[in-house]
Amino acid sequence: MSAVNDTKFNSVMFLLTRIPGLEDIHLWISIPFCFMYVLSIVGNSVILFIIKTDPSLHKPMYIFLSMLVVTDLALSITTISTILGICLFNSRRISLEACFAQMFFIHALSKIESFVLLLMAFDRFIAICNPLRYTSILTPPRISKMGLVAVVRSVALILPLPLLLKRFRYCRDNVLSHSYCLHPDIMKAACSDTSVNSIYGLFVKVITVGLDSFLIFLSYVMILKTVLSIASHRECLRALNTCVSHLCAVVLFYISDIGLSLIHRFGNSSTHLLQIILGYIYLLVPPLMNPIVYSVKSKHLRERIIRAFV
């Protein structure tokens, strides 16, 4: 009996979705997608290489940035096969096991990125509100433990999702809403009661993205309170300027993440195109923009990059 169930499980296939109405020009659409992937992978790799090879950048701020860069790189590599496969070769079919694996890595990496953004906010909070204890609080062993907590928390929370989905029976026409696999999409394709998955997915979203974004907001309230107490206007602007790049990364990540979650839960058929566009923004824009923003706003990093290539 189990052998029969395993056969049915392995034979299930999903169909990934292209951009509706633009099927005839998907080959042309693949050009900007390829450009975005190349730019994000090259940009993040350059920043990671510069931070690794330059001892003057081995500081907590840049170590946290390297964590963000590694996460963005992994997220780009996880989705590049299915998105470009659809655009270039019209390869829409994906097996259930491959879809589960991609879903696990996308969600786990997204939760890691959320925690890393929280760590970067904590770094700015200590640097501005308690600068004299900055190096004693953010020691390399402590930073390593923080990075380990980010990975363990994300894997522990996301691992039950594919295990819960594996229990379900799936309908014959399993058409997903995106060019990659997400938990809400797979859950909707099941021909079973998915209330447990829905409740657990909401719990994971609240305990990760909800809690992390609230703590980031709280840290910036404390930062703003400290900065406004500074007498010198120039020192005030200098302190705030160190937070601009991180704020850009936070806005890019959380707006797309929370927006996509809300549309999946409360959207209807009329928002399908918006759901697809937000899905691409959620996965493609942060890995593309983060290295550009940090290279422009961080003077030390920009100087090292220029020195390395010019």
C-alpha atoms as a PDB file:
ATOM      1  CA  MET A   1       0.000   0.000   0.000  1.00  0.00           C
ATOM      2  CA  SER A   2       2.824   2.390   0.840  1.00  0.00           C
ATOM      3  CA  ALA A   3       4.494   1.580  -2.481  1.00  0.00           C
ATOM      4  CA  VAL A   4       1.306   2.595  -4.293  1.00  0.00           C
ATOM      5  CA  ASN A   5       1.143   5.855  -2.327  1.00  0.00           C
ATOM      6  CA  ASP A   6       4.802   6.597  -3.097  1.00  0.00           C
ATOM      7  CA  THR A   7       4.150   6.008  -6.807  1.00  0.00           C
ATOM      8  CA  LYS A   8       1.211   8.430  -6.761  1.00  0.00           C
ATOM      9  CA  PHE A   9       3.275  10.974  -4.848  1.00  0.00           C
ATOM     10  CA  ASN A  10       6.207  10.810  -7.290  1.00  0.00           C
ATOM     11  CA  SER A  11       3.923  11.015 -10.357  1.00  0.00           C
ATOM     12  CA  VAL A  12       2.325  14.314  -9.324  1.00  0.00           C
ATOM     13  CA  MET A  13       3.477  17.238 -11.458  1.00  0.00           C
ATOM     14  CA  PHE A  14       2.889  20.974 -11.076  1.00  0.00           C
ATOM     15  CA  LEU A  15       2.581  23.549 -13.837  1.00  0.00           C
ATOM     16  CA  LEU A  16       4.341  26.848 -13.209  1.00  0.00           C
ATOM     17  CA  THR A  17       2.712  30.053 -14.466  1.00  0.00           C
ATOM     18  CA  ARG A  18       3.990  32.524 -17.041  1.00  0.00           C
ATOM     19  CA  ILE A  19       2.982  36.177 -17.155  1.00  0.00           C
ATOM     20  CA  PRO A  20      -0.605  36.055 -18.502  1.00  0.00           C
ATOM     21  CA  GLY A  21      -1.155  37.740 -21.851  1.00  0.00           C
ATOM     22  CA  LEU A  22       2.573  37.895 -22.676  1.00  0.00           C
ATOM     23  CA  GLU A  23       3.171  34.263 -23.643  1.00  0.00           C
ATOM     24  CA  ASP A  24       4.223  35.177 -27.207  1.00  0.00           C
ATOM     25  CA  ILE A  25       7.071  37.453 -26.097  1.00  0.00           C
ATOM     26  CA  HIS A  26       8.474  35.379 -23.237  1.00  0.00           C
ATOM     27  CA  LEU A  27      11.761  35.027 -25.095  1.00  0.00           C
ATOM     28  CA  TRP A  28      12.124  38.816 -25.047  1.00  0.00           C
ATOM     29  CA  ILE A  29      11.026  38.968 -21.406  1.00  0.00           C
ATOM     30  CA  SER A  30      13.859  36.576 -20.561  1.00  0.00           C
ATOM     31  CA  ILE A  31      16.415  39.274 -21.512  1.00  0.00           C
ATOM     32  CA  PRO A  32      15.673  41.607 -18.556  1.00  0.00           C
ATOM     33  CA  PHE A  33      15.303  38.595 -16.263  1.00  0.00           C
ATOM     34  CA  CYS A  34      18.727  37.283 -17.334  1.00  0.00           C
ATOM     35  CA  PHE A  35      20.202  40.751 -16.901  1.00  0.00           C
ATOM     36  CA  MET A  36      18.736  41.052 -13.391  1.00  0.00           C
ATOM     37  CA  TYR A  37      20.044  37.632 -12.381  1.00  0.00           C
ATOM     38  CA  VAL A  38      23.522  38.294 -13.773  1.00  0.00           C
ATOM     39  CA  LEU A  39      23.684  41.722 -12.144  1.00  0.00           C
ATOM     40  CA  SER A  40      22.489  40.471  -8.762  1.00  0.00           C
ATOM     41  CA  ILE A  41      24.828  37.450  -8.730  1.00  0.00           C
ATOM     42  CA  VAL A  42      27.845  39.470  -9.901  1.00  0.00           C
ATOM     43  CA  GLY A  43      27.074  42.405  -7.593  1.00  0.00           C
ATOM     44  CA  ASN A  44      26.610  40.261  -4.491  1.00  0.00           C
ATOM     45  CA  SER A  45      29.679  38.161  -5.345  1.00  0.00           C
ATOM     46  CA  VAL A  46      31.834  41.292  -5.719  1.00  0.00           C
ATOM     47  CA  ILE A  47      30.726  42.664  -2.350  1.00  0.00           C
ATOM     48  CA  LEU A  48      31.329  39.300  -0.682  1.00  0.00           C
ATOM     49  CA  PHE A  49      34.789  39.059  -2.260  1.00  0.00           C
ATOM     50  CA  ILE A  50      35.741  42.613  -1.215  1.00  0.00           C
ATOM     51  CA  ILE A  51      34.607  42.068   2.386  1.00  0.00           C
ATOM     52  CA  LYS A  52      36.406  38.737   2.611  1.00  0.00           C
ATOM     53  CA  THR A  53      39.722  39.928   1.170  1.00  0.00           C
ATOM     54  CA  ASP A  54      39.948  43.366   2.836  1.00  0.00           C
ATOM     55  CA  PRO A  55      40.857  43.143   6.560  1.00  0.00           C
ATOM     56  CA  SER A  56      39.707  46.733   7.152  1.00  0.00           C
ATOM     57  CA  LEU A  57      36.131  45.608   6.375  1.00  0.00           C
ATOM     58  CA  HIS A  58      36.143  42.803   8.940  1.00  0.00           C
ATOM     59  CA  LYS A  59      33.820  44.807  11.201  1.00  0.00           C
ATOM     60  CA  PRO A  60      30.378  43.833  12.559  1.00  0.00           C
ATOM     61  CA  MET A  61      28.514  46.052  10.073  1.00  0.00           C
ATOM     62  CA  TYR A  62      30.190  44.431   7.065  1.00  0.00           C
ATOM     63  CA  ILE A  63      30.009  40.925   8.534  1.00  0.00           C
ATOM     64  CA  PHE A  64      26.234  41.314   8.786  1.00  0.00           C
ATOM     65  CA  LEU A  65      26.230  42.688   5.241  1.00  0.00           C
ATOM     66  CA  SER A  66      28.099  39.599   4.044  1.00  0.00           C
ATOM     67  CA  MET A  67      25.388  37.436   5.675  1.00  0.00           C
ATOM     68  CA  LEU A  68      22.756  39.376   3.730  1.00  0.00           C
ATOM     69  CA  VAL A  69      24.760  38.995   0.519  1.00  0.00           C
ATOM     70  CA  VAL A  70      25.115  35.206   0.945  1.00  0.00           C
ATOM     71  CA  THR A  71      21.371  34.902   1.567  1.00  0.00           C
ATOM     72  CA  ASP A  72      20.543  36.944  -1.545  1.00  0.00           C
ATOM     73  CA  LEU A  73      22.940  34.857  -3.628  1.00  0.00           C
ATOM     74  CA  ALA A  74      21.361  31.619  -2.442  1.00  0.00           C
ATOM     75  CA  LEU A  75      17.862  32.981  -3.093  1.00  0.00           C
ATOM     76  CA  SER A  76      18.801  33.959  -6.666  1.00  0.00           C
ATOM     77  CA  ILE A  77      20.346  30.540  -7.366  1.00  0.00           C
ATOM     78  CA  THR A  78      17.275  28.771  -5.929  1.00  0.00           C
ATOM     79  CA  THR A  79      14.830  30.432  -8.340  1.00  0.00           C
ATOM     80  CA  ILE A  80      16.933  30.987 -11.471  1.00  0.00           C
ATOM     81  CA  SER A  81      16.263  27.512 -12.930  1.00  0.00           C
ATOM     82  CA  THR A  82      12.464  27.686 -12.999  1.00  0.00           C
ATOM     83  CA  ILE A  83      12.041  31.384 -13.888  1.00  0.00           C
ATOM     84  CA  LEU A  84      14.511  31.331 -16.785  1.00  0.00           C
ATOM     85  CA  GLY A  85      13.383  27.831 -17.760  1.00  0.00           C
ATOM     86  CA  ILE A  86       9.871  29.166 -18.385  1.00  0.00           C
ATOM     87  CA  CYS A  87      11.047  32.289 -20.238  1.00  0.00           C
ATOM     88  CA  LEU A  88      13.672  30.601 -22.441  1.00  0.00           C
ATOM     89  CA  PHE A  89      12.385  27.046 -22.969  1.00  0.00           C
ATOM     90  CA  ASN A  90       8.723  27.179 -21.872  1.00  0.00           C
ATOM     91  CA  SER A  91       9.581  24.493 -19.298  1.00  0.00           C
ATOM     92  CA  ARG A  92       6.586  24.715 -16.986  1.00  0.00           C
ATOM     93  CA  ARG A  93       6.452  21.219 -15.476  1.00  0.00           C
ATOM     94  CA  ILE A  94       8.055  20.539 -12.105  1.00  0.00           C
ATOM     95  CA  SER A  95       7.806  17.411  -9.982  1.00  0.00           C
ATOM     96  CA  LEU A  96       6.286  17.490  -6.515  1.00  0.00           C
ATOM     97  CA  GLU A  97       9.572  16.663  -4.764  1.00  0.00           C
ATOM     98  CA  ALA A  98      11.479  19.361  -6.695  1.00  0.00           C
ATOM     99  CA  CYS A  99       8.695  21.836  -5.927  1.00  0.00           C
ATOM    100  CA  PHE A 100       8.836  20.979  -2.213  1.00  0.00           C
ATOM    101  CA  ALA A 101      12.617  21.427  -2.208  1.00  0.00           C
ATOM    102  CA  GLN A 102      12.423  24.810  -3.944  1.00  0.00           C
ATOM    103  CA  MET A 103       9.624  25.923  -1.628  1.00  0.00           C
ATOM    104  CA  PHE A 104      11.656  24.968   1.445  1.00  0.00           C
ATOM    105  CA  PHE A 105      14.746  26.889   0.328  1.00  0.00           C
ATOM    106  CA  ILE A 106      12.784  29.991  -0.763  1.00  0.00           C
ATOM    107  CA  HIS A 107      10.905  30.268   2.530  1.00  0.00           C
ATOM    108  CA  ALA A 108      13.888  29.341   4.707  1.00  0.00           C
ATOM    109  CA  LEU A 109      16.178  31.851   2.986  1.00  0.00           C
ATOM    110  CA  SER A 110      13.513  34.557   3.216  1.00  0.00           C
ATOM    111  CA  LYS A 111      13.227  33.992   6.972  1.00  0.00           C
ATOM    112  CA  ILE A 112      17.029  34.062   7.291  1.00  0.00           C
ATOM    113  CA  GLU A 113      17.097  37.379   5.427  1.00  0.00           C
ATOM    114  CA  SER A 114      14.436  38.772   7.751  1.00  0.00           C
ATOM    115  CA  PHE A 115      16.529  37.820  10.797  1.00  0.00           C
ATOM    116  CA  VAL A 116      19.721  39.225   9.237  1.00  0.00           C
ATOM    117  CA  LEU A 117      17.945  42.550   8.642  1.00  0.00           C
ATOM    118  CA  LEU A 118      17.018  42.492  12.330  1.00  0.00           C
ATOM    119  CA  LEU A 119      20.670  41.858  13.266  1.00  0.00           C
ATOM    120  CA  MET A 120      21.737  44.773  11.067  1.00  0.00           C
ATOM    121  CA  ALA A 121      19.206  46.999  12.847  1.00  0.00           C
ATOM    122  CA  PHE A 122      20.645  45.826  16.179  1.00  0.00           C
ATOM    123  CA  ASP A 123      24.121  46.696  14.865  1.00  0.00           C
ATOM    124  CA  ARG A 124      23.009  50.257  14.028  1.00  0.00           C
ATOM    125  CA  PHE A 125      21.248  50.536  17.396  1.00  0.00           C
ATOM    126  CA  ILE A 126      24.424  49.626  19.323  1.00  0.00           C
ATOM    127  CA  ALA A 127      26.638  51.812  17.097  1.00  0.00           C
ATOM    128  CA  ILE A 128      24.495  54.929  17.625  1.00  0.00           C
ATOM    129  CA  CYS A 129      22.978  54.440  21.086  1.00  0.00           C
ATOM    130  CA  ASN A 130      25.911  52.766  22.844  1.00  0.00           C
ATOM    131  CA  PRO A 131      29.046  53.402  20.725  1.00  0.00           C
ATOM    132  CA  LEU A 132      31.560  52.931  23.562  1.00  0.00           C
ATOM    133  CA  ARG A 133      30.510  49.287  24.028  1.00  0.00           C
ATOM    134  CA  TYR A 134      30.109  48.533  20.308  1.00  0.00           C
ATOM    135  CA  THR A 135      33.199  46.341  19.906  1.00  0.00           C
ATOM    136  CA  SER A 136      32.729  44.620  23.266  1.00  0.00           C
ATOM    137  CA  ILE A 137      29.088  43.686  22.518  1.00  0.00           C
ATOM    138  CA  LEU A 138      29.440  42.662  18.855  1.00  0.00           C
ATOM    139  CA  THR A 139      32.428  40.326  19.125  1.00  0.00           C
ATOM    140  CA  PRO A 140      33.164  37.820  16.307  1.00  0.00           C
ATOM    141  CA  PRO A 141      32.072  34.764  18.387  1.00  0.00           C
ATOM    142  CA  ARG A 142      28.814  36.494  19.289  1.00  0.00           C
ATOM    143  CA  ILE A 143      28.168  37.463  15.669  1.00  0.00           C
ATOM    144  CA  SER A 144      28.767  33.840  14.608  1.00  0.00           C
ATOM    145  CA  LYS A 145      26.221  32.651  17.188  1.00  0.00           C
ATOM    146  CA  MET A 146      23.714  35.205  15.890  1.00  0.00           C
ATOM    147  CA  GLY A 147      24.176  33.907  12.344  1.00  0.00           C
ATOM    148  CA  LEU A 148      23.730  30.327  13.572  1.00  0.00           C
ATOM    149  CA  VAL A 149      20.512  31.294  15.368  1.00  0.00           C
ATOM    150  CA  ALA A 150      19.196  32.815  12.117  1.00  0.00           C
ATOM    151  CA  VAL A 151      19.780  29.554  10.223  1.00  0.00           C
ATOM    152  CA  VAL A 152      18.508  27.231  12.962  1.00  0.00           C
ATOM    153  CA  ARG A 153      15.365  29.293  13.573  1.00  0.00           C
ATOM    154  CA  SER A 154      14.491  29.419   9.876  1.00  0.00           C
ATOM    155  CA  VAL A 155      15.122  25.729   9.177  1.00  0.00           C
ATOM    156  CA  ALA A 156      13.240  24.623  12.314  1.00  0.00           C
ATOM    157  CA  LEU A 157      10.189  26.721  11.425  1.00  0.00           C
ATOM    158  CA  ILE A 158      10.081  25.952   7.673  1.00  0.00           C
ATOM    159  CA  LEU A 159      10.921  22.218   7.767  1.00  0.00           C
ATOM    160  CA  PRO A 160       7.398  21.187   8.919  1.00  0.00           C
ATOM    161  CA  LEU A 161       5.820  22.851   5.840  1.00  0.00           C
ATOM    162  CA  PRO A 162       6.882  20.245   3.220  1.00  0.00           C
ATOM    163  CA  LEU A 163       6.262  17.452   5.745  1.00  0.00           C
ATOM    164  CA  LEU A 164       2.691  18.663   6.279  1.00  0.00           C
ATOM    165  CA  LEU A 165       2.125  19.102   2.529  1.00  0.00           C
ATOM    166  CA  LYS A 166       3.361  15.580   1.815  1.00  0.00           C
ATOM    167  CA  ARG A 167       0.313  14.143   3.624  1.00  0.00           C
ATOM    168  CA  PHE A 168      -2.150  15.569   1.101  1.00  0.00           C
ATOM    169  CA  ARG A 169      -3.629  14.206  -2.094  1.00  0.00           C
ATOM    170  CA  TYR A 170      -3.297  16.590  -5.067  1.00  0.00           C
ATOM    171  CA  CYS A 171      -5.669  17.242  -7.938  1.00  0.00           C
ATOM    172  CA  ARG A 172      -4.758  16.424 -11.523  1.00  0.00           C
ATOM    173  CA  ASP A 173      -4.523  20.057 -12.765  1.00  0.00           C
ATOM    174  CA  ASN A 174      -1.984  21.560 -10.379  1.00  0.00           C
ATOM    175  CA  VAL A 175      -1.400  25.002 -11.893  1.00  0.00           C
ATOM    176  CA  LEU A 176       0.595  27.292  -9.589  1.00  0.00           C
ATOM    177  CA  SER A 177       0.350  31.091  -9.493  1.00  0.00           C
ATOM    178  CA  HIS A 178       4.053  31.844  -9.944  1.00  0.00           C
ATOM    179  CA  SER A 179       7.146  30.750 -11.858  1.00  0.00           C
ATOM    180  CA  TYR A 180       8.398  29.063  -8.694  1.00  0.00           C
ATOM    181  CA  CYS A 181       6.930  27.141  -5.752  1.00  0.00           C
ATOM    182  CA  LEU A 182       5.487  28.822  -2.671  1.00  0.00           C
ATOM    183  CA  HIS A 183       3.692  27.221   0.259  1.00  0.00           C
ATOM    184  CA  PRO A 184       0.302  28.991  -0.235  1.00  0.00           C
ATOM    185  CA  ASP A 185       0.273  27.945  -3.908  1.00  0.00           C
ATOM    186  CA  ILE A 186       0.962  24.269  -3.223  1.00  0.00           C
ATOM    187  CA  MET A 187      -1.510  24.284  -0.351  1.00  0.00           C
ATOM    188  CA  LYS A 188      -4.319  25.523  -2.633  1.00  0.00           C
ATOM    189  CA  ALA A 189      -3.629  22.669  -5.071  1.00  0.00           C
ATOM    190  CA  ALA A 190      -4.338  20.022  -2.422  1.00  0.00           C
ATOM    191  CA  CYS A 191      -7.658  18.169  -2.489  1.00  0.00           C
ATOM    192  CA  SER A 192      -7.720  17.892   1.296  1.00  0.00           C
ATOM    193  CA  ASP A 193      -8.392  19.994   4.382  1.00  0.00           C
ATOM    194  CA  THR A 194      -5.431  22.388   4.656  1.00  0.00           C
ATOM    195  CA  SER A 195      -6.526  24.298   7.772  1.00  0.00           C
ATOM    196  CA  VAL A 196      -3.527  23.028   9.783  1.00  0.00           C
ATOM    197  CA  ASN A 197      -1.120  24.246   7.095  1.00  0.00           C
ATOM    198  CA  SER A 198      -2.898  27.587   6.870  1.00  0.00           C
ATOM    199  CA  ILE A 199      -2.743  28.156  10.637  1.00  0.00           C
ATOM    200  CA  TYR A 200       0.880  27.036  10.881  1.00  0.00           C
ATOM    201  CA  GLY A 201       1.885  29.187   7.891  1.00  0.00           C
ATOM    202  CA  LEU A 202       0.271  32.219   9.535  1.00  0.00           C
ATOM    203  CA  PHE A 203       2.056  31.393  12.799  1.00  0.00           C
ATOM    204  CA  VAL A 204       5.435  31.212  11.017  1.00  0.00           C
ATOM    205  CA  LYS A 205       4.789  34.527   9.245  1.00  0.00           C
ATOM    206  CA  VAL A 206       3.853  36.287  12.490  1.00  0.00           C
ATOM    207  CA  ILE A 207       6.718  34.822  14.543  1.00  0.00           C
ATOM    208  CA  THR A 208       9.329  35.697  11.896  1.00  0.00           C
ATOM    209  CA  VAL A 209       8.421  38.590   9.599  1.00  0.00           C
ATOM    210  CA  GLY A 210       5.933  40.132  12.040  1.00  0.00           C
ATOM    211  CA  LEU A 211       8.207  39.955  15.089  1.00  0.00           C
ATOM    212  CA  ASP A 212      11.362  40.925  13.181  1.00  0.00           C
ATOM    213  CA  SER A 213       9.744  43.960  11.537  1.00  0.00           C
ATOM    214  CA  PHE A 214       8.325  45.101  14.898  1.00  0.00           C
ATOM    215  CA  LEU A 215      11.753  44.831  16.575  1.00  0.00           C
ATOM    216  CA  ILE A 216      13.370  46.711  13.672  1.00  0.00           C
ATOM    217  CA  PHE A 217      10.766  49.461  14.036  1.00  0.00           C
ATOM    218  CA  LEU A 218      11.417  49.576  17.793  1.00  0.00           C
ATOM    219  CA  SER A 219      15.178  49.811  17.271  1.00  0.00           C
ATOM    220  CA  TYR A 220      14.759  52.754  14.888  1.00  0.00           C
ATOM    221  CA  VAL A 221      12.487  54.526  17.360  1.00  0.00           C
ATOM    222  CA  MET A 222      15.321  54.250  19.904  1.00  0.00           C
ATOM    223  CA  ILE A 223      17.873  55.356  17.287  1.00  0.00           C
ATOM    224  CA  LEU A 224      15.769  58.378  16.320  1.00  0.00           C
ATOM    225  CA  LYS A 225      15.326  59.306  19.972  1.00  0.00           C
ATOM    226  CA  THR A 226      19.103  59.173  20.517  1.00  0.00           C
ATOM    227  CA  VAL A 227      19.912  61.051  17.309  1.00  0.00           C
ATOM    228  CA  LEU A 228      17.478  63.876  18.084  1.00  0.00           C
ATOM    229  CA  SER A 229      19.207  64.398  21.424  1.00  0.00           C
ATOM    230  CA  ILE A 230      22.520  65.130  19.647  1.00  0.00           C
ATOM    231  CA  ALA A 231      23.282  68.845  19.790  1.00  0.00           C
ATOM    232  CA  SER A 232      25.247  69.050  16.543  1.00  0.00           C
ATOM    233  CA  HIS A 233      23.137  69.040  13.384  1.00  0.00           C
ATOM    234  CA  ARG A 234      26.057  67.622  11.359  1.00  0.00           C
ATOM    235  CA  GLU A 235      26.584  64.723  13.780  1.00  0.00           C
ATOM    236  CA  CYS A 236      22.856  64.040  13.684  1.00  0.00           C
ATOM    237  CA  LEU A 237      22.856  63.772   9.872  1.00  0.00           C
ATOM    238  CA  ARG A 238      26.011  61.659   9.902  1.00  0.00           C
ATOM    239  CA  ALA A 239      24.438  59.160  12.307  1.00  0.00           C
ATOM    240  CA  LEU A 240      21.239  58.932  10.264  1.00  0.00           C
ATOM    241  CA  ASN A 241      23.204  58.536   7.026  1.00  0.00           C
ATOM    242  CA  THR A 242      24.681  55.258   8.298  1.00  0.00           C
ATOM    243  CA  CYS A 243      21.138  53.854   8.491  1.00  0.00           C
ATOM    244  CA  VAL A 244      19.901  54.822   5.015  1.00  0.00           C
ATOM    245  CA  SER A 245      21.156  51.738   3.162  1.00  0.00           C
ATOM    246  CA  HIS A 246      19.735  49.398   5.803  1.00  0.00           C
ATOM    247  CA  LEU A 247      16.381  51.189   5.732  1.00  0.00           C
ATOM    248  CA  CYS A 248      16.253  50.774   1.938  1.00  0.00           C
ATOM    249  CA  ALA A 249      16.902  47.022   2.298  1.00  0.00           C
ATOM    250  CA  VAL A 250      14.203  46.759   4.991  1.00  0.00           C
ATOM    251  CA  VAL A 251      11.600  48.608   2.902  1.00  0.00           C
ATOM    252  CA  LEU A 252      12.346  46.551  -0.231  1.00  0.00           C
ATOM    253  CA  PHE A 253      12.097  43.239   1.614  1.00  0.00           C
ATOM    254  CA  TYR A 254       9.163  43.742   3.967  1.00  0.00           C
ATOM    255  CA  ILE A 255       6.820  45.604   1.608  1.00  0.00           C
ATOM    256  CA  SER A 256       7.070  42.888  -1.048  1.00  0.00           C
ATOM    257  CA  ASP A 257       6.973  40.037   1.504  1.00  0.00           C
ATOM    258  CA  ILE A 258       3.978  41.316   3.489  1.00  0.00           C
ATOM    259  CA  GLY A 259       2.163  42.453   0.321  1.00  0.00           C
ATOM    260  CA  LEU A 260       2.541  39.046  -1.322  1.00  0.00           C
ATOM    261  CA  SER A 261       1.325  37.271   1.840  1.00  0.00           C
ATOM    262  CA  LEU A 262      -1.749  39.482   2.090  1.00  0.00           C
ATOM    263  CA  ILE A 263      -2.660  38.941  -1.575  1.00  0.00           C
ATOM    264  CA  HIS A 264      -2.260  35.158  -1.221  1.00  0.00           C
ATOM    265  CA  ARG A 265      -4.567  35.101   1.814  1.00  0.00           C
ATOM    266  CA  PHE A 266      -7.153  37.752   0.941  1.00  0.00           C
ATOM    267  CA  GLY A 267      -6.776  38.346  -2.808  1.00  0.00           C
ATOM    268  CA  ASN A 268      -9.162  37.161  -5.522  1.00  0.00           C
ATOM    269  CA  SER A 269      -8.847  36.301  -9.204  1.00  0.00           C
ATOM    270  CA  SER A 270      -8.782  39.974 -10.207  1.00  0.00           C
ATOM    271  CA  THR A 271      -5.451  40.419  -8.386  1.00  0.00           C
ATOM    272  CA  HIS A 272      -3.699  37.518 -10.143  1.00  0.00           C
ATOM    273  CA  LEU A 273      -1.498  39.773 -12.286  1.00  0.00           C
ATOM    274  CA  LEU A 274      -0.613  41.892  -9.243  1.00  0.00           C
ATOM    275  CA  GLN A 275       0.219  38.679  -7.383  1.00  0.00           C
ATOM    276  CA  ILE A 276       2.618  37.609 -10.154  1.00  0.00           C
ATOM    277  CA  ILE A 277       4.293  41.041 -10.323  1.00  0.00           C
ATOM    278  CA  LEU A 278       4.719  41.175  -6.538  1.00  0.00           C
ATOM    279  CA  GLY A 279       6.128  37.656  -6.649  1.00  0.00           C
ATOM    280  CA  TYR A 280       8.849  38.730  -9.083  1.00  0.00           C
ATOM    281  CA  ILE A 281       9.578  41.878  -7.040  1.00  0.00           C
ATOM    282  CA  TYR A 282       9.788  39.775  -3.868  1.00  0.00           C
ATOM    283  CA  LEU A 283      12.469  37.464  -5.288  1.00  0.00           C
ATOM    284  CA  LEU A 284      14.343  39.565  -7.850  1.00  0.00           C
ATOM    285  CA  VAL A 285      14.458  43.169  -6.619  1.00  0.00           C
ATOM    286  CA  PRO A 286      16.082  42.862  -3.131  1.00  0.00           C
ATOM    287  CA  PRO A 287      19.062  40.735  -4.347  1.00  0.00           C
ATOM    288  CA  LEU A 288      19.489  43.175  -7.238  1.00  0.00           C
ATOM    289  CA  MET A 289      19.167  46.437  -5.309  1.00  0.00           C
ATOM    290  CA  ASN A 290      20.925  45.596  -2.023  1.00  0.00           C
ATOM    291  CA  PRO A 291      24.486  45.526  -3.473  1.00  0.00           C
ATOM    292  CA  ILE A 292      23.787  48.704  -5.480  1.00  0.00           C
ATOM    293  CA  VAL A 293      22.418  50.598  -2.463  1.00  0.00           C
ATOM    294  CA  TYR A 294      25.222  49.499  -0.136  1.00  0.00           C
ATOM    295  CA  SER A 295      27.895  50.243  -2.729  1.00  0.00           C
ATOM    296  CA  VAL A 296      26.534  53.755  -3.248  1.00  0.00           C
ATOM    297  CA  LYS A 297      25.860  54.643   0.385  1.00  0.00           C
ATOM    298  CA  SER A 298      28.872  53.000   2.076  1.00  0.00           C
ATOM    299  CA  LYS A 299      31.921  55.170   1.401  1.00  0.00           C
ATOM    300  CA  HIS A 300      34.461  52.603   2.633  1.00  0.00           C
ATOM    301  CA  LEU A 301      32.934  49.774   0.617  1.00  0.00           C
ATOM    302  CA  ARG A 302      32.685  51.946  -2.496  1.00  0.00           C
ATOM    303  CA  GLU A 303      36.346  52.965  -2.209  1.00  0.00           C
ATOM    304  CA  ARG A 304      37.453  49.330  -1.864  1.00  0.00           C
ATOM    305  CA  ILE A 305      35.427  48.286  -4.912  1.00  0.00           C
ATOM    306  CA  ILE A 306      36.847  51.122  -7.006  1.00  0.00           C
ATOM    307  CA  ARG A 307      40.376  50.312  -5.824  1.00  0.00           C
ATOM    308  CA  ALA A 308      39.903  46.633  -6.719  1.00  0.00           C
ATOM    309  CA  PHE A 309      38.753  47.265 -10.307  1.00  0.00           C
ATOM    310  CA  VAL A 310      40.314  50.574 -11.281  1.00  0.00           C
END
